[in-house]
C-alpha atoms as a PDB file:
ATOM      1  CA  MET A   1    -106.465-154.876  84.163  1.00  0.00           C
ATOM      2  CA  ALA A   2    -105.488-153.189  87.397  1.00  0.00           C
ATOM      3  CA  ASN A   3    -108.419-151.140  89.274  1.00  0.00           C
ATOM      4  CA  ARG A   4    -107.805-147.364  88.871  1.00  0.00           C
ATOM      5  CA  LYS A   5    -109.775-145.040  90.643  1.00  0.00           C
ATOM      6  CA  TYR A   6    -111.545-142.595  88.998  1.00  0.00           C
ATOM      7  CA  ASP A   7    -112.735-138.871  90.615  1.00  0.00           C
ATOM      8  CA  GLN A   8    -116.194-138.358  91.905  1.00  0.00           C
ATOM      9  CA  GLN A   9    -116.316-135.502  89.422  1.00  0.00           C
ATOM     10  CA  LEU A  10    -115.215-137.642  86.241  1.00  0.00           C
ATOM     11  CA  LYS A  11    -118.369-140.211  87.722  1.00  0.00           C
ATOM     12  CA  ASN A  12    -120.955-137.441  87.498  1.00  0.00           C
ATOM     13  CA  ASP A  13    -120.110-135.876  84.373  1.00  0.00           C
ATOM     14  CA  ILE A  14    -119.898-139.517  82.589  1.00  0.00           C
ATOM     15  CA  ILE A  15    -123.073-140.532  84.108  1.00  0.00           C
ATOM     16  CA  ASP A  16    -124.642-136.791  82.898  1.00  0.00           C
ATOM     17  CA  ALA A  17    -123.470-137.746  79.713  1.00  0.00           C
ATOM     18  CA  VAL A  18    -125.256-141.007  79.395  1.00  0.00           C
ATOM     19  CA  ILE A  19    -128.541-140.216  81.165  1.00  0.00           C
ATOM     20  CA  VAL A  20    -129.054-136.694  80.471  1.00  0.00           C
ATOM     21  CA  GLY A  21    -127.096-136.801  77.031  1.00  0.00           C
ATOM     22  CA  ASN A  22    -127.880-138.462  74.306  1.00  0.00           C
ATOM     23  CA  LYS A  23    -124.851-140.660  74.228  1.00  0.00           C
ATOM     24  CA  SER A  24    -124.438-144.135  74.732  1.00  0.00           C
ATOM     25  CA  ALA A  25    -122.901-145.688  77.689  1.00  0.00           C
ATOM     26  CA  ALA A  26    -120.251-147.452  75.634  1.00  0.00           C
ATOM     27  CA  GLN A  27    -119.549-144.140  73.441  1.00  0.00           C
ATOM     28  CA  VAL A  28    -119.157-142.528  76.517  1.00  0.00           C
ATOM     29  CA  ALA A  29    -116.607-144.827  77.946  1.00  0.00           C
ATOM     30  CA  ARG A  30    -114.597-144.354  74.700  1.00  0.00           C
ATOM     31  CA  GLU A  31    -114.675-140.756  74.812  1.00  0.00           C
ATOM     32  CA  HIS A  32    -112.836-140.929  78.604  1.00  0.00           C
ATOM     33  CA  ASP A  33    -111.176-144.081  78.338  1.00  0.00           C
ATOM     34  CA  VAL A  34    -112.742-146.171  80.994  1.00  0.00           C
ATOM     35  CA  PRO A  35    -114.350-149.397  80.937  1.00  0.00           C
ATOM     36  CA  GLU A  36    -117.284-149.792  80.282  1.00  0.00           C
ATOM     37  CA  SER A  37    -118.616-152.103  82.538  1.00  0.00           C
ATOM     38  CA  ALA A  38    -117.509-149.227  84.852  1.00  0.00           C
ATOM     39  CA  VAL A  39    -120.186-147.172  83.239  1.00  0.00           C
ATOM     40  CA  TYR A  40    -122.755-149.582  83.470  1.00  0.00           C
ATOM     41  CA  SER A  41    -121.724-149.747  86.947  1.00  0.00           C
ATOM     42  CA  TRP A  42    -121.702-146.179  87.914  1.00  0.00           C
ATOM     43  CA  ILE A  43    -125.352-145.787  86.247  1.00  0.00           C
ATOM     44  CA  ARG A  44    -126.765-148.523  88.497  1.00  0.00           C
ATOM     45  CA  ASN A  45    -125.159-147.388  91.700  1.00  0.00           C
ATOM     46  CA  TYR A  46    -126.812-143.806  90.682  1.00  0.00           C
ATOM     47  CA  LYS A  47    -130.065-145.418  90.000  1.00  0.00           C
ATOM     48  CA  GLU A  48    -129.945-147.126  93.376  1.00  0.00           C
ATOM     49  CA  GLU A  49    -128.685-144.247  95.237  1.00  0.00           C
ATOM     50  CA  HIS A  50    -131.412-142.020  93.852  1.00  0.00           C
ATOM     51  CA  ASP A  51    -134.151-144.799  93.918  1.00  0.00           C
ATOM     52  CA  ILE A  52    -134.851-144.409  90.207  1.00  0.00           C
ATOM     53  CA  ALA A  53    -136.570-147.650  88.965  1.00  0.00           C
ATOM     54  CA  LYS A  54    -135.641-147.036  85.658  1.00  0.00           C
ATOM     55  CA  ILE A  55    -133.597-144.315  83.586  1.00  0.00           C
ATOM     56  CA  LYS A  56    -133.797-144.295  79.935  1.00  0.00           C
ATOM     57  CA  LEU A  57    -129.812-144.271  78.506  1.00  0.00           C
ATOM     58  CA  ASN A  58    -130.983-141.631  75.909  1.00  0.00           C
ATOM     59  CA  ASN A  59    -133.141-138.596  76.050  1.00  0.00           C
ATOM     60  CA  GLU A  60    -135.473-139.993  73.253  1.00  0.00           C
ATOM     61  CA  THR A  61    -139.240-139.692  73.566  1.00  0.00           C
ATOM     62  CA  PRO A  62    -141.120-142.359  72.004  1.00  0.00           C
ATOM     63  CA  GLU A  63    -142.419-140.016  68.984  1.00  0.00           C
ATOM     64  CA  GLN A  64    -138.574-138.848  68.956  1.00  0.00           C
ATOM     65  CA  GLU A  65    -137.762-142.959  68.599  1.00  0.00           C
ATOM     66  CA  ILE A  66    -140.423-143.534  65.766  1.00  0.00           C
ATOM     67  CA  ALA A  67    -139.300-140.996  63.815  1.00  0.00           C
ATOM     68  CA  ARG A  68    -135.505-142.002  63.923  1.00  0.00           C
ATOM     69  CA  LEU A  69    -136.332-145.628  62.984  1.00  0.00           C
ATOM     70  CA  LYS A  70    -138.596-144.530  60.453  1.00  0.00           C
ATOM     71  CA  ALA A  71    -135.961-142.495  59.100  1.00  0.00           C
ATOM     72  CA  GLU A  72    -133.283-145.499  58.906  1.00  0.00           C
ATOM     73  CA  LEU A  73    -135.880-147.624  57.798  1.00  0.00           C
ATOM     74  CA  LYS A  74    -136.190-144.896  54.396  1.00  0.00           C
ATOM     75  CA  LYS A  75    -132.413-144.918  53.989  1.00  0.00           C
ATOM     76  CA  ALA A  76    -132.286-149.019  54.648  1.00  0.00           C
ATOM     77  CA  THR A  77    -135.150-149.200  51.523  1.00  0.00           C
ATOM     78  CA  GLN A  78    -133.385-146.733  49.142  1.00  0.00           C
ATOM     79  CA  GLU A  79    -130.347-148.602  49.842  1.00  0.00           C
ATOM     80  CA  ARG A  80    -131.701-152.214  49.132  1.00  0.00           C
ATOM     81  CA  ASP A  81    -133.725-150.289  46.338  1.00  0.00           C
ATOM     82  CA  ILE A  82    -130.108-149.138  44.516  1.00  0.00           C
ATOM     83  CA  LEU A  83    -128.711-152.550  45.338  1.00  0.00           C
ATOM     84  CA  LYS A  84    -131.655-154.362  43.511  1.00  0.00           C
ATOM     85  CA  LYS A  85    -131.002-152.142  40.755  1.00  0.00           C
ATOM     86  CA  ALA A  86    -127.262-152.612  40.150  1.00  0.00           C
ATOM     87  CA  THR A  87    -127.884-156.059  40.633  1.00  0.00           C
ATOM     88  CA  ALA A  88    -130.315-156.483  37.798  1.00  0.00           C
ATOM     89  CA  TYR A  89    -128.097-153.813  35.566  1.00  0.00           C
ATOM     90  CA  PHE A  90    -124.961-156.256  35.963  1.00  0.00           C
ATOM     91  CA  ALA A  91    -127.097-159.656  35.535  1.00  0.00           C
ATOM     92  CA  SER A  92    -128.542-158.131  32.205  1.00  0.00           C
ATOM     93  CA  LEU A  93    -124.269-157.442  31.359  1.00  0.00           C
ATOM     94  CA  GLU A  94    -123.599-161.181  31.715  1.00  0.00           C
ATOM     95  CA  LYS A  95    -126.166-162.414  28.916  1.00  0.00           C
END
């Protein structure tokens, strides 16, 4: 793949979408048709230039992350329970 040059405005928009927005680097890379490695490189360079030790790649607070994970767990538990019931039902039909 040939090295492409990207204008600074596009880089800034992508960095903002990842750092400030709630989008992953991979998602932003796909949306802008840019290699994912380039996005990570731009973020790393941004952190170095601004002497930022660590930037979370999403805006979730720990409390928001816990709430999101609890909701995901609840959904997965419900799906598992439905599958258990369906398995038991179809097993009873075979007898």
